[in-house]
Amino acid sequence: MKLIIDLTPLFAMRCTAYCTAASYPVPLLLQFLENRIKPTLYRDVIHSSHTQAEEVFGDVFYFPYGVIVCWGLTEESERQVLAEVSRFEQEPLPKAEFDNFTFSYGSPSKIYQDEIILQTPSVMTKLAVSYGLAQSVKLTVFENAIRKTIENTKQLPQELVKKGKIPLSRKEISRKIGELFLERNSINLHTDILDTPEFFWEYSELEPFYRSTANYLDISTRVDVLNKRLNIVRELLEMLGNELNHQHSSALEWTIIWLIVIEVVIATLKDIFHFI
């Protein structure tokens, strides 16, 4: 009699989430993948199984907001996936953002100390967890962008306190307003992806897996902090706008003053020449 022991729970495999761009064109990416493998579309998320010698050894999920989540792939296979998808990147990031986890199969399902335990190798369960992982890595991109923006502009309020004005020309202030406006809008337009995905309206039984992942990654609190930082950027925009209006008003006042001076000088000269 041959003794068979299931060692699956003892082996931890890689689970990695990458954010490489602002978005992927799902129809084009799906068409590309169909030429090589048999992908499946779940709403707007593409799933593909990676095989070797006709045996499935990993899963990849492509999210439309520029995120890829890989389950069970080697580092080399992940690099290959990233290289293939690079041609479809819209507004690619200078450097990909990523989160590393490990996963294995066991009971009960949970996530603890960056290790994900799944009861079954179900693709749908992995997709539910992947939604949380994808939101987290995308949120990290937003957090880094807004942190950099605030860091680059923090001296402006300080200058206003010390000198009573911002030491920038009107052109420089206008450029800074444009930069802040674009940064704020690019985040505001995509924050809806941080809400509970519509996917779970149809598959409500999978939502607990997503919720536990989102809670572990503290997504709700991080979104609140992000919104507060966006409010700081909004206040900076208002401050720069007021300073720009003030500089414009001052320029108009000085223009009027110099016109009056010139008029007085001309009138005086006219009277002098008339007297002579």
C-alpha atoms as a PDB file:
ATOM      1  CA  MET A   1       0.000   0.000   0.000  1.00  0.00           C
ATOM      2  CA  LYS A   2       1.427   3.343  -1.072  1.00  0.00           C
ATOM      3  CA  LEU A   3       1.156   6.171   1.470  1.00  0.00           C
ATOM      4  CA  ILE A   4       0.290   9.537  -0.082  1.00  0.00           C
ATOM      5  CA  ILE A   5       0.932  12.637   2.003  1.00  0.00           C
ATOM      6  CA  ASP A   6      -0.352  16.043   0.938  1.00  0.00           C
ATOM      7  CA  LEU A   7       2.458  18.533   1.562  1.00  0.00           C
ATOM      8  CA  THR A   8       0.803  21.414  -0.276  1.00  0.00           C
ATOM      9  CA  PRO A   9       0.242  23.631   2.810  1.00  0.00           C
ATOM     10  CA  LEU A  10       3.936  23.355   3.692  1.00  0.00           C
ATOM     11  CA  PHE A  11       5.113  25.014   0.506  1.00  0.00           C
ATOM     12  CA  ALA A  12       4.771  28.771   0.292  1.00  0.00           C
ATOM     13  CA  MET A  13       4.577  30.192  -3.220  1.00  0.00           C
ATOM     14  CA  ARG A  14       4.993  33.698  -4.587  1.00  0.00           C
ATOM     15  CA  CYS A  15       2.117  36.151  -4.890  1.00  0.00           C
ATOM     16  CA  THR A  16       3.122  39.529  -6.307  1.00  0.00           C
ATOM     17  CA  ALA A  17       1.138  42.621  -7.269  1.00  0.00           C
ATOM     18  CA  TYR A  18       2.671  45.085  -9.753  1.00  0.00           C
ATOM     19  CA  CYS A  19       1.467  48.520 -10.829  1.00  0.00           C
ATOM     20  CA  THR A  20       3.263  49.544 -14.013  1.00  0.00           C
ATOM     21  CA  ALA A  21       1.030  52.171 -15.638  1.00  0.00           C
ATOM     22  CA  ALA A  22      -2.054  54.349 -15.305  1.00  0.00           C
ATOM     23  CA  SER A  23      -4.112  51.829 -17.293  1.00  0.00           C
ATOM     24  CA  TYR A  24      -4.181  48.960 -19.793  1.00  0.00           C
ATOM     25  CA  PRO A  25      -6.546  48.831 -22.794  1.00  0.00           C
ATOM     26  CA  VAL A  26      -8.419  45.665 -21.844  1.00  0.00           C
ATOM     27  CA  PRO A  27      -9.812  44.805 -25.337  1.00  0.00           C
ATOM     28  CA  LEU A  28      -6.381  45.045 -26.990  1.00  0.00           C
ATOM     29  CA  LEU A  29      -4.672  43.152 -24.190  1.00  0.00           C
ATOM     30  CA  LEU A  30      -7.332  40.443 -24.301  1.00  0.00           C
ATOM     31  CA  GLN A  31      -6.904  40.077 -28.069  1.00  0.00           C
ATOM     32  CA  PHE A  32      -3.144  39.760 -27.649  1.00  0.00           C
ATOM     33  CA  LEU A  33      -3.462  37.084 -24.972  1.00  0.00           C
ATOM     34  CA  GLU A  34      -6.022  35.108 -27.009  1.00  0.00           C
ATOM     35  CA  ASN A  35      -3.389  34.536 -29.681  1.00  0.00           C
ATOM     36  CA  ARG A  36      -1.264  32.529 -27.214  1.00  0.00           C
ATOM     37  CA  ILE A  37      -3.428  31.285 -24.361  1.00  0.00           C
ATOM     38  CA  LYS A  38      -7.094  31.046 -23.423  1.00  0.00           C
ATOM     39  CA  PRO A  39      -7.768  34.014 -21.128  1.00  0.00           C
ATOM     40  CA  THR A  40     -11.032  34.598 -19.291  1.00  0.00           C
ATOM     41  CA  LEU A  41     -12.661  38.015 -18.812  1.00  0.00           C
ATOM     42  CA  TYR A  42     -14.351  38.690 -15.471  1.00  0.00           C
ATOM     43  CA  ARG A  43     -16.089  42.046 -16.002  1.00  0.00           C
ATOM     44  CA  ASP A  44     -13.002  44.155 -16.811  1.00  0.00           C
ATOM     45  CA  VAL A  45     -10.332  41.890 -15.275  1.00  0.00           C
ATOM     46  CA  ILE A  46      -8.464  39.383 -17.452  1.00  0.00           C
ATOM     47  CA  HIS A  47      -7.357  36.047 -16.015  1.00  0.00           C
ATOM     48  CA  SER A  48      -4.822  33.738 -17.619  1.00  0.00           C
ATOM     49  CA  SER A  49      -3.415  30.427 -16.407  1.00  0.00           C
ATOM     50  CA  HIS A  50       0.295  29.768 -16.875  1.00  0.00           C
ATOM     51  CA  THR A  51       1.161  26.247 -17.852  1.00  0.00           C
ATOM     52  CA  GLN A  52       4.297  24.173 -18.246  1.00  0.00           C
ATOM     53  CA  ALA A  53       4.244  20.748 -19.914  1.00  0.00           C
ATOM     54  CA  GLU A  54       0.449  21.126 -20.121  1.00  0.00           C
ATOM     55  CA  GLU A  55       0.211  21.499 -16.338  1.00  0.00           C
ATOM     56  CA  VAL A  56      -1.141  24.698 -14.732  1.00  0.00           C
ATOM     57  CA  PHE A  57       1.322  26.177 -12.272  1.00  0.00           C
ATOM     58  CA  GLY A  58       0.233  29.792 -11.870  1.00  0.00           C
ATOM     59  CA  ASP A  59      -2.434  32.439 -12.392  1.00  0.00           C
ATOM     60  CA  VAL A  60      -2.180  36.034 -13.592  1.00  0.00           C
ATOM     61  CA  PHE A  61      -4.860  38.739 -13.259  1.00  0.00           C
ATOM     62  CA  TYR A  62      -4.691  41.904 -15.381  1.00  0.00           C
ATOM     63  CA  PHE A  63      -6.583  44.888 -13.947  1.00  0.00           C
ATOM     64  CA  PRO A  64      -7.572  47.796 -16.231  1.00  0.00           C
ATOM     65  CA  TYR A  65      -5.966  50.391 -13.939  1.00  0.00           C
ATOM     66  CA  GLY A  66      -2.434  49.221 -14.717  1.00  0.00           C
ATOM     67  CA  VAL A  67      -2.034  46.438 -12.152  1.00  0.00           C
ATOM     68  CA  ILE A  68      -0.996  42.800 -12.564  1.00  0.00           C
ATOM     69  CA  VAL A  69      -1.330  40.206  -9.788  1.00  0.00           C
ATOM     70  CA  CYS A  70       0.669  36.987 -10.199  1.00  0.00           C
ATOM     71  CA  TRP A  71       0.058  33.779  -8.222  1.00  0.00           C
ATOM     72  CA  GLY A  72       2.564  30.937  -8.131  1.00  0.00           C
ATOM     73  CA  LEU A  73       4.931  32.288 -10.794  1.00  0.00           C
ATOM     74  CA  THR A  74       8.701  32.410 -10.545  1.00  0.00           C
ATOM     75  CA  GLU A  75      10.514  35.748 -10.693  1.00  0.00           C
ATOM     76  CA  GLU A  76      11.615  34.950 -14.234  1.00  0.00           C
ATOM     77  CA  SER A  77       8.033  34.206 -15.319  1.00  0.00           C
ATOM     78  CA  GLU A  78       6.837  37.444 -13.707  1.00  0.00           C
ATOM     79  CA  ARG A  79       9.467  39.432 -15.606  1.00  0.00           C
ATOM     80  CA  GLN A  80       8.271  37.791 -18.811  1.00  0.00           C
ATOM     81  CA  VAL A  81       4.660  38.785 -18.053  1.00  0.00           C
ATOM     82  CA  LEU A  82       5.710  42.378 -17.352  1.00  0.00           C
ATOM     83  CA  ALA A  83       7.723  42.516 -20.572  1.00  0.00           C
ATOM     84  CA  GLU A  84       4.766  41.264 -22.608  1.00  0.00           C
ATOM     85  CA  VAL A  85       2.309  43.751 -21.137  1.00  0.00           C
ATOM     86  CA  SER A  86       4.679  46.737 -21.428  1.00  0.00           C
ATOM     87  CA  ARG A  87       3.542  47.434 -25.011  1.00  0.00           C
ATOM     88  CA  PHE A  88      -0.005  48.028 -23.704  1.00  0.00           C
ATOM     89  CA  GLU A  89       0.926  50.407 -20.896  1.00  0.00           C
ATOM     90  CA  GLN A  90      -0.808  53.784 -21.009  1.00  0.00           C
ATOM     91  CA  GLU A  91       1.093  56.491 -19.095  1.00  0.00           C
ATOM     92  CA  PRO A  92       3.711  54.011 -17.824  1.00  0.00           C
ATOM     93  CA  LEU A  93       5.291  54.673 -14.446  1.00  0.00           C
ATOM     94  CA  PRO A  94       9.015  55.531 -14.336  1.00  0.00           C
ATOM     95  CA  LYS A  95       9.427  52.576 -11.984  1.00  0.00           C
ATOM     96  CA  ALA A  96       6.907  49.818 -11.309  1.00  0.00           C
ATOM     97  CA  GLU A  97       5.424  49.686  -7.810  1.00  0.00           C
ATOM     98  CA  PHE A  98       5.030  46.205  -6.319  1.00  0.00           C
ATOM     99  CA  ASP A  99       4.004  44.264  -3.198  1.00  0.00           C
ATOM    100  CA  ASN A 100       5.324  40.806  -2.318  1.00  0.00           C
ATOM    101  CA  PHE A 101       3.397  38.102  -0.487  1.00  0.00           C
ATOM    102  CA  THR A 102       3.542  34.349  -0.113  1.00  0.00           C
ATOM    103  CA  PHE A 103       0.610  31.975  -0.259  1.00  0.00           C
ATOM    104  CA  SER A 104      -0.189  28.356   0.474  1.00  0.00           C
ATOM    105  CA  TYR A 105      -3.219  26.130   0.897  1.00  0.00           C
ATOM    106  CA  GLY A 106      -4.666  25.282   4.271  1.00  0.00           C
ATOM    107  CA  SER A 107      -7.500  26.018   6.654  1.00  0.00           C
ATOM    108  CA  PRO A 108      -8.907  28.443   7.592  1.00  0.00           C
ATOM    109  CA  SER A 109      -8.474  31.024   4.854  1.00  0.00           C
ATOM    110  CA  LYS A 110      -6.677  34.098   6.186  1.00  0.00           C
ATOM    111  CA  ILE A 111      -3.888  36.586   5.566  1.00  0.00           C
ATOM    112  CA  TYR A 112      -1.296  37.105   8.272  1.00  0.00           C
ATOM    113  CA  GLN A 113       2.232  38.549   8.240  1.00  0.00           C
ATOM    114  CA  ASP A 114       2.144  38.864   4.435  1.00  0.00           C
ATOM    115  CA  GLU A 115       1.211  35.195   4.029  1.00  0.00           C
ATOM    116  CA  ILE A 116      -2.076  34.297   2.358  1.00  0.00           C
ATOM    117  CA  ILE A 117      -3.719  31.004   3.283  1.00  0.00           C
ATOM    118  CA  LEU A 118      -6.359  29.674   0.877  1.00  0.00           C
ATOM    119  CA  GLN A 119      -8.539  26.641   1.440  1.00  0.00           C
ATOM    120  CA  THR A 120      -8.705  25.775  -2.266  1.00  0.00           C
ATOM    121  CA  PRO A 121      -6.845  26.753  -5.466  1.00  0.00           C
ATOM    122  CA  SER A 122     -10.070  28.309  -6.787  1.00  0.00           C
ATOM    123  CA  VAL A 123      -9.467  30.987  -9.434  1.00  0.00           C
ATOM    124  CA  MET A 124     -12.473  32.962  -8.171  1.00  0.00           C
ATOM    125  CA  THR A 125     -11.111  33.063  -4.618  1.00  0.00           C
ATOM    126  CA  LYS A 126      -7.733  34.244  -5.918  1.00  0.00           C
ATOM    127  CA  LEU A 127      -9.511  36.914  -7.965  1.00  0.00           C
ATOM    128  CA  ALA A 128     -11.385  38.153  -4.887  1.00  0.00           C
ATOM    129  CA  VAL A 129      -8.128  38.457  -2.924  1.00  0.00           C
ATOM    130  CA  SER A 130      -6.392  39.973  -5.971  1.00  0.00           C
ATOM    131  CA  TYR A 131      -8.857  42.861  -6.000  1.00  0.00           C
ATOM    132  CA  GLY A 132      -7.610  43.872  -2.552  1.00  0.00           C
ATOM    133  CA  LEU A 133      -3.956  43.418  -3.505  1.00  0.00           C
ATOM    134  CA  ALA A 134      -4.436  45.432  -6.717  1.00  0.00           C
ATOM    135  CA  GLN A 135      -6.158  48.288  -4.884  1.00  0.00           C
ATOM    136  CA  SER A 136      -3.377  48.380  -2.299  1.00  0.00           C
ATOM    137  CA  VAL A 137      -0.512  48.642  -4.794  1.00  0.00           C
ATOM    138  CA  LYS A 138      -2.432  51.258  -6.830  1.00  0.00           C
ATOM    139  CA  LEU A 139      -3.080  53.203  -3.632  1.00  0.00           C
ATOM    140  CA  THR A 140       0.661  53.135  -2.933  1.00  0.00           C
ATOM    141  CA  VAL A 141       1.260  54.839  -6.292  1.00  0.00           C
ATOM    142  CA  PHE A 142      -1.263  57.558  -5.378  1.00  0.00           C
ATOM    143  CA  GLU A 143       0.281  57.966  -1.921  1.00  0.00           C
ATOM    144  CA  ASN A 144       3.794  58.381  -3.331  1.00  0.00           C
ATOM    145  CA  ALA A 145       2.613  60.883  -5.949  1.00  0.00           C
ATOM    146  CA  ILE A 146       0.722  63.092  -3.487  1.00  0.00           C
ATOM    147  CA  ARG A 147       3.549  62.845  -0.911  1.00  0.00           C
ATOM    148  CA  LYS A 148       6.045  64.013  -3.532  1.00  0.00           C
ATOM    149  CA  THR A 149       3.745  66.856  -4.574  1.00  0.00           C
ATOM    150  CA  ILE A 150       3.345  68.099  -1.002  1.00  0.00           C
ATOM    151  CA  GLU A 151       7.088  67.751  -0.370  1.00  0.00           C
ATOM    152  CA  ASN A 152       7.900  69.844  -3.464  1.00  0.00           C
ATOM    153  CA  THR A 153       5.494  72.635  -2.483  1.00  0.00           C
ATOM    154  CA  LYS A 154       5.808  72.711   1.322  1.00  0.00           C
ATOM    155  CA  GLN A 155       8.179  75.705   1.165  1.00  0.00           C
ATOM    156  CA  LEU A 156       5.510  77.931  -0.403  1.00  0.00           C
ATOM    157  CA  PRO A 157       3.385  78.403   2.758  1.00  0.00           C
ATOM    158  CA  GLN A 158       6.603  78.878   4.741  1.00  0.00           C
ATOM    159  CA  GLU A 159       7.724  81.653   2.396  1.00  0.00           C
ATOM    160  CA  LEU A 160       4.309  83.264   2.664  1.00  0.00           C
ATOM    161  CA  VAL A 161       4.593  83.288   6.477  1.00  0.00           C
ATOM    162  CA  LYS A 162       8.177  84.645   6.493  1.00  0.00           C
ATOM    163  CA  LYS A 163       7.998  87.214   3.691  1.00  0.00           C
ATOM    164  CA  GLY A 164       4.290  87.864   3.286  1.00  0.00           C
ATOM    165  CA  LYS A 165       4.434  86.764  -0.343  1.00  0.00           C
ATOM    166  CA  ILE A 166       5.478  83.865  -2.518  1.00  0.00           C
ATOM    167  CA  PRO A 167       8.843  84.538  -4.245  1.00  0.00           C
ATOM    168  CA  LEU A 168       7.694  83.297  -7.642  1.00  0.00           C
ATOM    169  CA  SER A 169       6.862  85.141 -10.813  1.00  0.00           C
ATOM    170  CA  ARG A 170       3.332  85.061 -12.215  1.00  0.00           C
ATOM    171  CA  LYS A 171       4.476  82.600 -14.881  1.00  0.00           C
ATOM    172  CA  GLU A 172       6.057  80.302 -12.284  1.00  0.00           C
ATOM    173  CA  ILE A 173       2.941  80.447 -10.102  1.00  0.00           C
ATOM    174  CA  SER A 174       0.727  79.618 -13.096  1.00  0.00           C
ATOM    175  CA  ARG A 175       2.956  76.651 -13.941  1.00  0.00           C
ATOM    176  CA  LYS A 176       2.838  75.445 -10.323  1.00  0.00           C
ATOM    177  CA  ILE A 177      -0.974  75.748 -10.298  1.00  0.00           C
ATOM    178  CA  GLY A 178      -1.105  73.669 -13.480  1.00  0.00           C
ATOM    179  CA  GLU A 179       1.130  70.959 -11.990  1.00  0.00           C
ATOM    180  CA  LEU A 180      -0.925  70.737  -8.792  1.00  0.00           C
ATOM    181  CA  PHE A 181      -4.203  70.724 -10.707  1.00  0.00           C
ATOM    182  CA  LEU A 182      -3.079  67.895 -12.984  1.00  0.00           C
ATOM    183  CA  GLU A 183      -1.778  65.833 -10.063  1.00  0.00           C
ATOM    184  CA  ARG A 184      -4.955  66.276  -8.057  1.00  0.00           C
ATOM    185  CA  ASN A 185      -7.202  65.498 -11.017  1.00  0.00           C
ATOM    186  CA  SER A 186      -5.233  62.411 -12.070  1.00  0.00           C
ATOM    187  CA  ILE A 187      -5.833  60.968  -8.589  1.00  0.00           C
ATOM    188  CA  ASN A 188      -9.427  62.177  -8.217  1.00  0.00           C
ATOM    189  CA  LEU A 189     -10.392  60.623 -11.558  1.00  0.00           C
ATOM    190  CA  HIS A 190      -9.159  57.203 -10.431  1.00  0.00           C
ATOM    191  CA  THR A 191     -10.140  57.069  -6.750  1.00  0.00           C
ATOM    192  CA  ASP A 192     -13.334  55.226  -7.703  1.00  0.00           C
ATOM    193  CA  ILE A 193     -11.198  52.109  -8.209  1.00  0.00           C
ATOM    194  CA  LEU A 194     -10.613  52.142  -4.446  1.00  0.00           C
ATOM    195  CA  ASP A 195     -14.330  51.532  -3.766  1.00  0.00           C
ATOM    196  CA  THR A 196     -15.763  48.037  -3.352  1.00  0.00           C
ATOM    197  CA  PRO A 197     -15.550  46.521  -6.873  1.00  0.00           C
ATOM    198  CA  GLU A 198     -18.816  45.977  -8.736  1.00  0.00           C
ATOM    199  CA  PHE A 199     -17.635  42.406  -9.318  1.00  0.00           C
ATOM    200  CA  PHE A 200     -18.945  41.532  -5.841  1.00  0.00           C
ATOM    201  CA  TRP A 201     -22.471  42.609  -6.705  1.00  0.00           C
ATOM    202  CA  GLU A 202     -22.664  39.437  -8.769  1.00  0.00           C
ATOM    203  CA  TYR A 203     -20.395  37.268  -6.613  1.00  0.00           C
ATOM    204  CA  SER A 204     -21.348  38.380  -3.113  1.00  0.00           C
ATOM    205  CA  GLU A 205     -20.210  35.050  -1.637  1.00  0.00           C
ATOM    206  CA  LEU A 206     -16.619  36.018  -2.516  1.00  0.00           C
ATOM    207  CA  GLU A 207     -16.732  39.455  -0.892  1.00  0.00           C
ATOM    208  CA  PRO A 208     -15.499  38.212   2.543  1.00  0.00           C
ATOM    209  CA  PHE A 209     -12.173  37.225   0.926  1.00  0.00           C
ATOM    210  CA  TYR A 210     -11.849  40.729  -0.516  1.00  0.00           C
ATOM    211  CA  ARG A 211     -12.882  42.361   2.766  1.00  0.00           C
ATOM    212  CA  SER A 212     -10.344  40.441   4.843  1.00  0.00           C
ATOM    213  CA  THR A 213      -7.588  41.394   2.385  1.00  0.00           C
ATOM    214  CA  ALA A 214      -8.645  45.058   2.316  1.00  0.00           C
ATOM    215  CA  ASN A 215      -8.787  45.162   6.129  1.00  0.00           C
ATOM    216  CA  TYR A 216      -5.355  43.574   6.444  1.00  0.00           C
ATOM    217  CA  LEU A 217      -3.877  46.114   4.011  1.00  0.00           C
ATOM    218  CA  ASP A 218      -5.696  48.963   5.825  1.00  0.00           C
ATOM    219  CA  ILE A 219      -7.108  50.291   2.560  1.00  0.00           C
ATOM    220  CA  SER A 220     -10.005  52.244   4.118  1.00  0.00           C
ATOM    221  CA  THR A 221      -7.760  54.223   6.505  1.00  0.00           C
ATOM    222  CA  ARG A 222      -5.202  54.877   3.778  1.00  0.00           C
ATOM    223  CA  VAL A 223      -7.927  56.214   1.468  1.00  0.00           C
ATOM    224  CA  ASP A 224      -9.049  58.622   4.217  1.00  0.00           C
ATOM    225  CA  VAL A 225      -5.456  59.857   4.642  1.00  0.00           C
ATOM    226  CA  LEU A 226      -5.127  60.243   0.871  1.00  0.00           C
ATOM    227  CA  ASN A 227      -8.295  62.358   0.746  1.00  0.00           C
ATOM    228  CA  LYS A 228      -6.962  64.603   3.522  1.00  0.00           C
ATOM    229  CA  ARG A 229      -3.749  65.108   1.576  1.00  0.00           C
ATOM    230  CA  LEU A 230      -5.766  65.916  -1.532  1.00  0.00           C
ATOM    231  CA  ASN A 231      -7.486  68.610   0.540  1.00  0.00           C
ATOM    232  CA  ILE A 232      -4.049  70.024   1.376  1.00  0.00           C
ATOM    233  CA  VAL A 233      -3.302  70.236  -2.348  1.00  0.00           C
ATOM    234  CA  ARG A 234      -6.662  71.967  -2.885  1.00  0.00           C
ATOM    235  CA  GLU A 235      -5.746  74.539  -0.220  1.00  0.00           C
ATOM    236  CA  LEU A 236      -2.365  75.058  -1.898  1.00  0.00           C
ATOM    237  CA  LEU A 237      -4.155  75.678  -5.190  1.00  0.00           C
ATOM    238  CA  GLU A 238      -6.411  78.252  -3.533  1.00  0.00           C
ATOM    239  CA  MET A 239      -3.407  79.942  -1.904  1.00  0.00           C
ATOM    240  CA  LEU A 240      -1.489  80.118  -5.189  1.00  0.00           C
ATOM    241  CA  GLY A 241      -4.605  81.376  -6.965  1.00  0.00           C
ATOM    242  CA  ASN A 242      -5.003  84.167  -4.395  1.00  0.00           C
ATOM    243  CA  GLU A 243      -1.338  85.072  -4.716  1.00  0.00           C
ATOM    244  CA  LEU A 244      -1.643  85.176  -8.492  1.00  0.00           C
ATOM    245  CA  ASN A 245      -4.674  87.467  -8.231  1.00  0.00           C
ATOM    246  CA  HIS A 246      -2.807  89.650  -5.751  1.00  0.00           C
ATOM    247  CA  GLN A 247       0.199  89.963  -8.062  1.00  0.00           C
ATOM    248  CA  HIS A 248      -2.124  90.762 -10.965  1.00  0.00           C
ATOM    249  CA  SER A 249      -3.914  93.445  -8.915  1.00  0.00           C
ATOM    250  CA  SER A 250      -0.588  94.906  -7.799  1.00  0.00           C
ATOM    251  CA  ALA A 251       0.622  95.014 -11.395  1.00  0.00           C
ATOM    252  CA  LEU A 252      -2.542  96.832 -12.447  1.00  0.00           C
ATOM    253  CA  GLU A 253      -2.182  99.315  -9.567  1.00  0.00           C
ATOM    254  CA  TRP A 254       1.425 100.097 -10.478  1.00  0.00           C
ATOM    255  CA  THR A 255       0.457 100.426 -14.125  1.00  0.00           C
ATOM    256  CA  ILE A 256      -2.222 102.959 -13.190  1.00  0.00           C
ATOM    257  CA  ILE A 257       0.196 104.843 -10.905  1.00  0.00           C
ATOM    258  CA  TRP A 258       2.838 105.099 -13.631  1.00  0.00           C
ATOM    259  CA  LEU A 259       0.256 106.230 -16.168  1.00  0.00           C
ATOM    260  CA  ILE A 260      -0.819 108.986 -13.762  1.00  0.00           C
ATOM    261  CA  VAL A 261       2.826 109.992 -13.189  1.00  0.00           C
ATOM    262  CA  ILE A 262       3.455 110.102 -16.949  1.00  0.00           C
ATOM    263  CA  GLU A 263       0.306 112.159 -17.462  1.00  0.00           C
ATOM    264  CA  VAL A 264       1.372 114.612 -14.743  1.00  0.00           C
ATOM    265  CA  VAL A 265       4.868 114.896 -16.213  1.00  0.00           C
ATOM    266  CA  ILE A 266       3.480 115.509 -19.708  1.00  0.00           C
ATOM    267  CA  ALA A 267       1.054 118.118 -18.403  1.00  0.00           C
ATOM    268  CA  THR A 268       3.851 119.838 -16.468  1.00  0.00           C
ATOM    269  CA  LEU A 269       6.179 119.849 -19.468  1.00  0.00           C
ATOM    270  CA  LYS A 270       3.381 121.170 -21.629  1.00  0.00           C
ATOM    271  CA  ASP A 271       2.795 124.043 -19.218  1.00  0.00           C
ATOM    272  CA  ILE A 272       6.548 124.805 -19.065  1.00  0.00           C
ATOM    273  CA  PHE A 273       6.946 124.891 -22.828  1.00  0.00           C
ATOM    274  CA  HIS A 274       3.794 126.951 -23.134  1.00  0.00           C
ATOM    275  CA  PHE A 275       5.205 129.467 -20.600  1.00  0.00           C
ATOM    276  CA  ILE A 276       8.522 129.647 -22.410  1.00  0.00           C
END
